[in-house]
Amino acid sequence: GAPTTATAGAASAVPVEIPTLTGLPIDEAAILVKAAGLGLTRVGTPPGESATGTVLAQHPEAGVRVDPGTVVELVWADPDATAAGAARQAGGPVVCLDPGHQAAANSDPEPIGPGASETKAKVSGGATGVRTGTPEHEIVLAIALKVKQRLEAAGVAVVMTRTTGSVDISNAARAQLANEARADLFVRLHADGSTNASVNGVSTLYPAGNDWVAPIAERSLRAAALVHRETIRATSANDRSIIGRADIAGFNHATVPSVLVEAGFLSNPTEDRMLNDPAYQDTLADGIARGVLIYLGVTE
C-alpha cells in the first residue's frame, strides 16, 4: 500500500471488528483472523463430545472492535491435547487436572462404572455462588490453572480435561483422558453446595468400596490424605475430612489413582466470596499443588 507518513501512527489505525469464529473449523477460523489483520493464538482442549477440529470459544468475543494486530485466542477441540501434554516431558511425572462441570450440563445417561447398568448424568450443572452468582465451573477452572502453573514449575507434565467452559466432556470421558495420559494422579476440582448456608469447609474424596476402584483405592487414599492435609494447612479452612466414595463415575472409570477436592461451599456467603478471590485461589492452589508434589515425591 501507500507509504504512511510519520504522523499516521497506531493511534489513527481503524479498529477491526472481531469476526464470529466459534463453531468454525480451526483452519478456516485462522484464515479469517489473519485476513482481518489480527494476531492468532490457538489453545487446544480435549474434544469430549464436541466435533474435533472446531473452535469452542474465542477471546475477544465476536463483534468487539479492536486495534489491528490484536491477538485473538481460539480454544479448539484438539484430539492431541491430552497426549501432547504428557509427551512433552516423557519420563517425568504426569498429573491430569479436571476442573469440574462445564458451562452447560449434559443430562444424558452414562454407566456409573465400566459395564454397569446403573447410570448417572454425564455432567451435572454444578453449584452457583450464593452471593457472587459465579458458577462452579468458572471458579474451579481458575483454581485448576493456578495448580497447573505450580506443578509445571516443579517439572510435572499437566494434562487438562478442559481449559474453557465451552466443552461437552462427560465424567467418564474425563477419567478416560487421565487413563490415556497414564497420569500418576488424577486430580478433580469441585466446589460444594448445601441447603444450609452455614455449612462450610473443605473435604477431599477418593475412590473406595467397589471392584472397579479396588486397584487404585490404596494409592488414591494416600494421595487424598496428603492433598487434604496440605490444603487445610494452607487455607485454615474448616476440615471436613477425607471421604471414600463408590458412587462417582469419574472415579469408577479411572484406572489411575484419583482424588477430588471440594474446595469450599458456594452456598456459604463467606466461602463463596473467598472462592472468587484470586488471592484465596492462590492459597488453595498452593496447598493442593504441595500435596500432589509430596505424593509424587517431587521436591520443590
Protein backbone atom coordinates (compact mmCIF):
# COMPACT_ATOMS: atom_id res chain seq x y z
CA GLY A 1 0.00 0.00 0.00
CA ALA A 2 0.94 3.68 0.02
CA PRO A 3 3.73 4.64 2.42
CA THR A 4 2.40 6.09 5.68
CA THR A 5 3.73 9.42 6.88
CA ALA A 6 5.42 9.70 10.25
CA THR A 7 2.33 11.34 11.75
CA ALA A 8 -0.04 8.47 10.89
CA GLY A 9 0.85 6.35 13.92
CA ALA A 10 -1.04 3.48 15.54
CA ALA A 11 -3.45 5.94 17.16
CA SER A 12 -5.18 6.55 13.84
CA ALA A 13 -5.45 2.84 12.97
CA VAL A 14 -9.00 1.89 12.01
CA PRO A 15 -10.49 -0.55 14.55
CA VAL A 16 -11.23 -4.08 13.30
CA GLU A 17 -14.42 -5.91 14.23
CA ILE A 18 -13.74 -9.42 15.58
CA PRO A 19 -15.49 -11.97 13.34
CA THR A 20 -17.66 -14.85 14.64
CA LEU A 21 -15.26 -17.79 14.89
CA THR A 22 -16.88 -20.14 17.42
CA GLY A 23 -18.18 -23.28 15.70
CA LEU A 24 -15.91 -22.95 12.65
CA PRO A 25 -13.16 -25.42 11.75
CA ILE A 26 -9.91 -24.15 13.33
CA ASP A 27 -8.11 -23.74 9.97
CA GLU A 28 -10.99 -21.72 8.49
CA ALA A 29 -11.12 -19.51 11.61
CA ALA A 30 -7.35 -18.95 11.41
CA ILE A 31 -7.66 -17.70 7.81
CA LEU A 32 -10.41 -15.23 8.84
CA VAL A 33 -8.33 -13.93 11.77
CA LYS A 34 -5.28 -13.35 9.57
CA ALA A 35 -7.39 -11.78 6.79
CA ALA A 36 -8.74 -9.28 9.35
CA GLY A 37 -5.16 -8.23 10.17
CA LEU A 38 -5.27 -9.77 13.66
CA GLY A 39 -2.81 -11.96 15.56
CA LEU A 40 -3.73 -15.53 16.49
CA THR A 41 -3.04 -17.92 19.34
CA ARG A 42 -4.53 -21.42 19.43
CA VAL A 43 -5.30 -23.28 22.67
CA GLY A 44 -6.10 -26.97 22.29
CA THR A 45 -8.51 -28.66 24.70
CA PRO A 46 -9.81 -32.27 24.60
CA PRO A 47 -12.82 -32.58 22.25
CA GLY A 48 -15.12 -34.63 24.51
CA GLU A 49 -18.44 -34.74 22.65
CA SER A 50 -17.67 -31.66 20.53
CA ALA A 51 -16.70 -32.06 16.87
CA THR A 52 -12.93 -32.49 16.58
CA GLY A 53 -11.20 -29.50 14.98
CA THR A 54 -13.92 -26.94 15.76
CA VAL A 55 -13.46 -23.66 17.62
CA LEU A 56 -15.18 -23.93 21.03
CA ALA A 57 -14.53 -20.42 22.33
CA GLN A 58 -12.94 -17.15 21.23
CA HIS A 59 -11.48 -14.19 23.11
CA PRO A 60 -12.26 -11.37 22.39
CA GLU A 61 -15.90 -12.21 21.59
CA ALA A 62 -17.40 -11.66 18.12
CA GLY A 63 -18.41 -8.07 17.34
CA VAL A 64 -15.87 -6.43 19.66
CA ARG A 65 -13.85 -3.67 17.95
CA VAL A 66 -10.09 -3.84 18.49
CA ASP A 67 -6.87 -2.35 17.08
CA PRO A 68 -5.28 -4.14 14.10
CA GLY A 69 -2.75 -6.72 15.22
CA THR A 70 -4.69 -7.55 18.41
CA VAL A 71 -4.18 -11.23 19.28
CA VAL A 72 -7.30 -13.41 19.12
CA GLU A 73 -7.29 -16.56 21.27
CA LEU A 74 -9.12 -19.55 19.80
CA VAL A 75 -9.86 -22.53 22.07
CA TRP A 76 -10.41 -25.54 19.85
CA ALA A 77 -11.26 -29.25 20.11
CA ASP A 78 -7.81 -30.77 19.69
CA PRO A 79 -7.60 -34.59 19.63
CA ASP A 80 -3.89 -34.39 20.54
CA ALA A 81 -4.40 -32.08 23.54
CA THR A 82 -4.06 -34.93 26.05
CA ALA A 83 -1.17 -36.90 24.62
CA ALA A 84 0.80 -33.75 23.84
CA GLY A 85 0.97 -32.64 27.46
CA ALA A 86 2.25 -35.96 28.69
CA ALA A 87 4.69 -36.44 25.83
CA ARG A 88 6.31 -33.05 26.42
CA GLN A 89 8.08 -34.38 29.47
CA ALA A 90 8.27 -38.08 28.77
CA GLY A 91 9.70 -39.87 31.75
CA GLY A 92 8.68 -37.26 34.33
CA PRO A 93 5.51 -37.41 36.43
CA VAL A 94 2.18 -36.62 34.76
CA VAL A 95 -0.89 -35.19 36.50
CA CYS A 96 -4.34 -34.90 34.93
CA LEU A 97 -6.29 -31.90 36.31
CA ASP A 98 -10.07 -31.97 35.95
CA PRO A 99 -11.91 -28.71 36.70
CA GLY A 100 -15.42 -29.99 37.42
CA HIS A 101 -18.55 -29.34 35.36
CA GLN A 102 -18.81 -27.09 32.25
CA ALA A 103 -20.92 -24.16 31.03
CA ALA A 104 -23.89 -26.35 30.03
CA ALA A 105 -24.87 -29.55 31.85
CA ASN A 106 -25.35 -32.76 29.85
CA SER A 107 -28.06 -34.88 31.48
CA ASP A 108 -27.72 -37.79 29.04
CA PRO A 109 -27.07 -41.00 31.00
CA GLU A 110 -23.75 -42.86 31.15
CA PRO A 111 -22.85 -46.03 33.09
CA ILE A 112 -21.72 -45.32 36.68
CA GLY A 113 -18.81 -47.69 36.05
CA PRO A 114 -17.48 -49.83 33.14
CA GLY A 115 -20.26 -52.20 32.03
CA ALA A 116 -22.72 -51.00 34.70
CA SER A 117 -26.48 -50.97 34.09
CA GLU A 118 -26.89 -48.18 36.67
CA THR A 119 -26.37 -44.75 35.09
CA LYS A 120 -25.73 -41.14 36.10
CA ALA A 121 -25.94 -37.86 34.17
CA LYS A 122 -22.80 -37.29 32.07
CA VAL A 123 -22.16 -33.88 33.68
CA SER A 124 -24.39 -32.18 36.25
CA GLY A 125 -24.85 -28.41 36.39
CA GLY A 126 -22.70 -27.65 39.42
CA ALA A 127 -23.22 -25.12 42.19
CA THR A 128 -23.58 -21.32 41.89
CA GLY A 129 -22.21 -18.73 44.30
CA VAL A 130 -25.00 -17.61 46.66
CA ARG A 131 -23.54 -14.07 46.86
CA THR A 132 -21.47 -13.68 43.70
CA GLY A 133 -23.61 -15.72 41.28
CA THR A 134 -20.40 -17.19 39.82
CA PRO A 135 -20.89 -20.74 38.50
CA GLU A 136 -18.76 -23.54 39.95
CA HIS A 137 -17.26 -24.40 36.56
CA GLU A 138 -15.63 -20.94 36.31
CA ILE A 139 -14.19 -20.93 39.84
CA VAL A 140 -12.70 -24.42 39.67
CA LEU A 141 -11.13 -23.70 36.27
CA ALA A 142 -9.41 -20.62 37.72
CA ILE A 143 -8.08 -22.70 40.63
CA ALA A 144 -7.03 -25.55 38.32
CA LEU A 145 -4.99 -23.21 36.10
CA LYS A 146 -3.17 -21.94 39.21
CA VAL A 147 -2.45 -25.54 40.32
CA LYS A 148 -1.19 -26.28 36.78
CA GLN A 149 1.31 -23.38 36.95
CA ARG A 150 2.69 -24.62 40.25
CA LEU A 151 3.01 -28.25 39.12
CA GLU A 152 4.67 -27.28 35.84
CA ALA A 153 7.12 -25.05 37.71
CA ALA A 154 8.16 -28.17 39.64
CA GLY A 155 8.70 -30.14 36.40
CA VAL A 156 5.41 -32.08 36.36
CA ALA A 157 3.65 -32.51 32.99
CA VAL A 158 -0.02 -31.47 33.27
CA VAL A 159 -2.92 -32.66 31.13
CA MET A 160 -6.13 -30.60 31.48
CA THR A 161 -9.54 -32.19 30.83
CA ARG A 162 -10.74 -28.72 29.79
CA THR A 163 -9.40 -25.18 29.53
CA THR A 164 -12.75 -23.46 28.85
CA GLY A 165 -16.38 -23.78 29.92
CA SER A 166 -17.45 -24.29 26.29
CA VAL A 167 -16.89 -28.05 26.22
CA ASP A 168 -19.02 -31.18 26.49
CA ILE A 169 -16.95 -33.81 28.31
CA SER A 170 -18.66 -36.42 30.47
CA ASN A 171 -17.25 -37.58 33.80
CA ALA A 172 -16.36 -41.00 32.37
CA ALA A 173 -14.61 -39.32 29.43
CA ARG A 174 -12.60 -37.16 31.85
CA ALA A 175 -11.41 -40.31 33.65
CA GLN A 176 -10.55 -41.78 30.24
CA LEU A 177 -8.33 -38.76 29.49
CA ALA A 178 -6.44 -39.38 32.74
CA ASN A 179 -6.12 -43.09 31.85
CA GLU A 180 -4.85 -42.34 28.34
CA ALA A 181 -2.30 -39.89 29.73
CA ARG A 182 -1.21 -42.64 32.14
CA ALA A 183 -1.38 -39.96 34.83
CA ASP A 184 0.40 -40.59 38.11
CA LEU A 185 -2.55 -38.80 39.71
CA PHE A 186 -5.99 -37.65 38.51
CA VAL A 187 -6.93 -34.51 40.47
CA ARG A 188 -10.55 -33.35 40.21
CA LEU A 189 -11.51 -29.89 41.48
CA HIS A 190 -15.03 -29.01 42.62
CA ALA A 191 -16.88 -26.65 44.96
CA ASP A 192 -19.69 -27.79 47.26
CA GLY A 193 -23.26 -26.70 47.85
CA SER A 194 -25.71 -27.20 50.72
CA THR A 195 -29.26 -26.16 51.58
CA ASN A 196 -27.76 -24.96 54.89
CA ALA A 197 -25.93 -21.67 54.25
CA SER A 198 -23.82 -22.01 57.40
CA VAL A 199 -22.11 -25.24 56.26
CA ASN A 200 -18.53 -24.57 55.12
CA GLY A 201 -15.14 -26.18 54.69
CA VAL A 202 -13.00 -28.43 52.53
CA SER A 203 -13.32 -32.18 52.02
CA THR A 204 -11.28 -34.49 49.80
CA LEU A 205 -12.90 -37.53 48.19
CA TYR A 206 -11.20 -40.69 46.97
CA PRO A 207 -12.44 -43.87 45.22
CA ALA A 208 -13.26 -46.79 47.56
CA GLY A 209 -15.77 -49.54 48.13
CA ASN A 210 -16.29 -51.31 44.81
CA ASP A 211 -14.49 -53.72 42.46
CA TRP A 212 -13.86 -51.08 39.79
CA VAL A 213 -11.69 -48.94 42.05
CA ALA A 214 -10.07 -51.72 44.12
CA PRO A 215 -6.79 -51.50 42.11
CA ILE A 216 -6.44 -47.73 42.75
CA ALA A 217 -8.10 -47.32 46.16
CA GLU A 218 -4.97 -47.61 48.33
CA ARG A 219 -2.84 -45.15 46.31
CA SER A 220 -5.82 -42.80 45.95
CA LEU A 221 -6.33 -42.76 49.73
CA ARG A 222 -2.66 -41.93 50.27
CA ALA A 223 -2.85 -39.08 47.72
CA ALA A 224 -6.12 -37.80 49.22
CA ALA A 225 -4.64 -37.73 52.73
CA LEU A 226 -1.64 -35.67 51.57
CA VAL A 227 -3.58 -33.28 49.32
CA HIS A 228 -6.18 -32.76 52.04
CA ARG A 229 -3.60 -32.18 54.77
CA GLU A 230 -1.71 -29.58 52.73
CA THR A 231 -4.89 -27.82 51.53
CA ILE A 232 -6.20 -27.45 55.09
CA ARG A 233 -2.75 -26.35 56.26
CA ALA A 234 -2.55 -23.66 53.55
CA THR A 235 -6.10 -22.31 53.87
CA SER A 236 -7.00 -22.95 57.55
CA ALA A 237 -10.43 -23.91 56.16
CA ASN A 238 -12.87 -25.97 58.23
CA ASP A 239 -11.64 -29.59 57.93
CA ARG A 240 -14.47 -31.79 56.61
CA SER A 241 -12.11 -34.79 56.32
CA ILE A 242 -11.34 -37.31 53.59
CA ILE A 243 -14.22 -39.46 52.36
CA GLY A 244 -14.24 -42.69 50.33
CA ARG A 245 -16.90 -42.83 47.60
CA ALA A 246 -18.15 -45.74 45.49
CA ASP A 247 -20.82 -43.82 43.54
CA ILE A 248 -18.77 -41.38 41.41
CA ALA A 249 -18.49 -42.18 37.68
CA GLY A 250 -15.33 -40.08 37.31
CA PHE A 251 -13.66 -42.38 39.87
CA ASN A 252 -15.18 -45.68 38.75
CA HIS A 253 -13.96 -45.26 35.16
CA ALA A 254 -10.43 -44.31 36.30
CA THR A 255 -7.55 -46.78 36.20
CA VAL A 256 -5.10 -44.30 37.77
CA PRO A 257 -5.03 -43.00 41.38
CA SER A 258 -7.67 -40.28 41.79
CA VAL A 259 -8.74 -37.60 44.26
CA LEU A 260 -11.46 -34.95 44.25
CA VAL A 261 -11.08 -31.73 46.25
CA GLU A 262 -14.31 -30.00 47.31
CA ALA A 263 -12.69 -26.59 47.78
CA GLY A 264 -15.47 -24.94 49.79
CA PHE A 265 -19.21 -24.22 49.80
CA LEU A 266 -20.62 -21.79 47.23
CA SER A 267 -23.82 -21.89 49.32
CA ASN A 268 -21.94 -20.20 52.19
CA PRO A 269 -21.77 -16.41 51.61
CA THR A 270 -18.30 -16.01 53.17
CA GLU A 271 -16.77 -19.02 51.43
CA ASP A 272 -18.37 -18.01 48.13
CA ARG A 273 -16.63 -14.63 48.30
CA MET A 274 -13.32 -16.28 49.25
CA LEU A 275 -13.52 -18.78 46.38
CA ASN A 276 -13.98 -15.83 43.99
CA ASP A 277 -10.92 -14.02 45.41
CA PRO A 278 -7.77 -14.60 43.29
CA ALA A 279 -5.57 -14.33 46.40
CA TYR A 280 -7.51 -17.12 48.16
CA GLN A 281 -7.47 -19.17 44.94
CA ASP A 282 -3.66 -18.84 45.04
CA THR A 283 -3.61 -20.12 48.62
CA LEU A 284 -5.82 -23.08 47.69
CA ALA A 285 -3.63 -23.83 44.67
CA ASP A 286 -0.50 -23.69 46.86
CA GLY A 287 -1.92 -26.31 49.21
CA ILE A 288 -3.32 -28.61 46.52
CA ALA A 289 -0.11 -28.48 44.45
CA ARG A 290 2.07 -29.09 47.51
CA GLY A 291 0.03 -32.18 48.46
CA VAL A 292 0.28 -33.51 44.89
CA LEU A 293 4.05 -32.92 44.77
CA ILE A 294 4.59 -34.68 48.11
CA TYR A 295 2.56 -37.65 46.82
CA LEU A 296 4.64 -37.73 43.61
CA GLY A 297 7.88 -37.48 45.63
CA VAL A 298 8.82 -34.30 43.76
CA THR A 299 10.80 -31.83 45.88
CA GLU A 300 10.05 -28.20 45.09
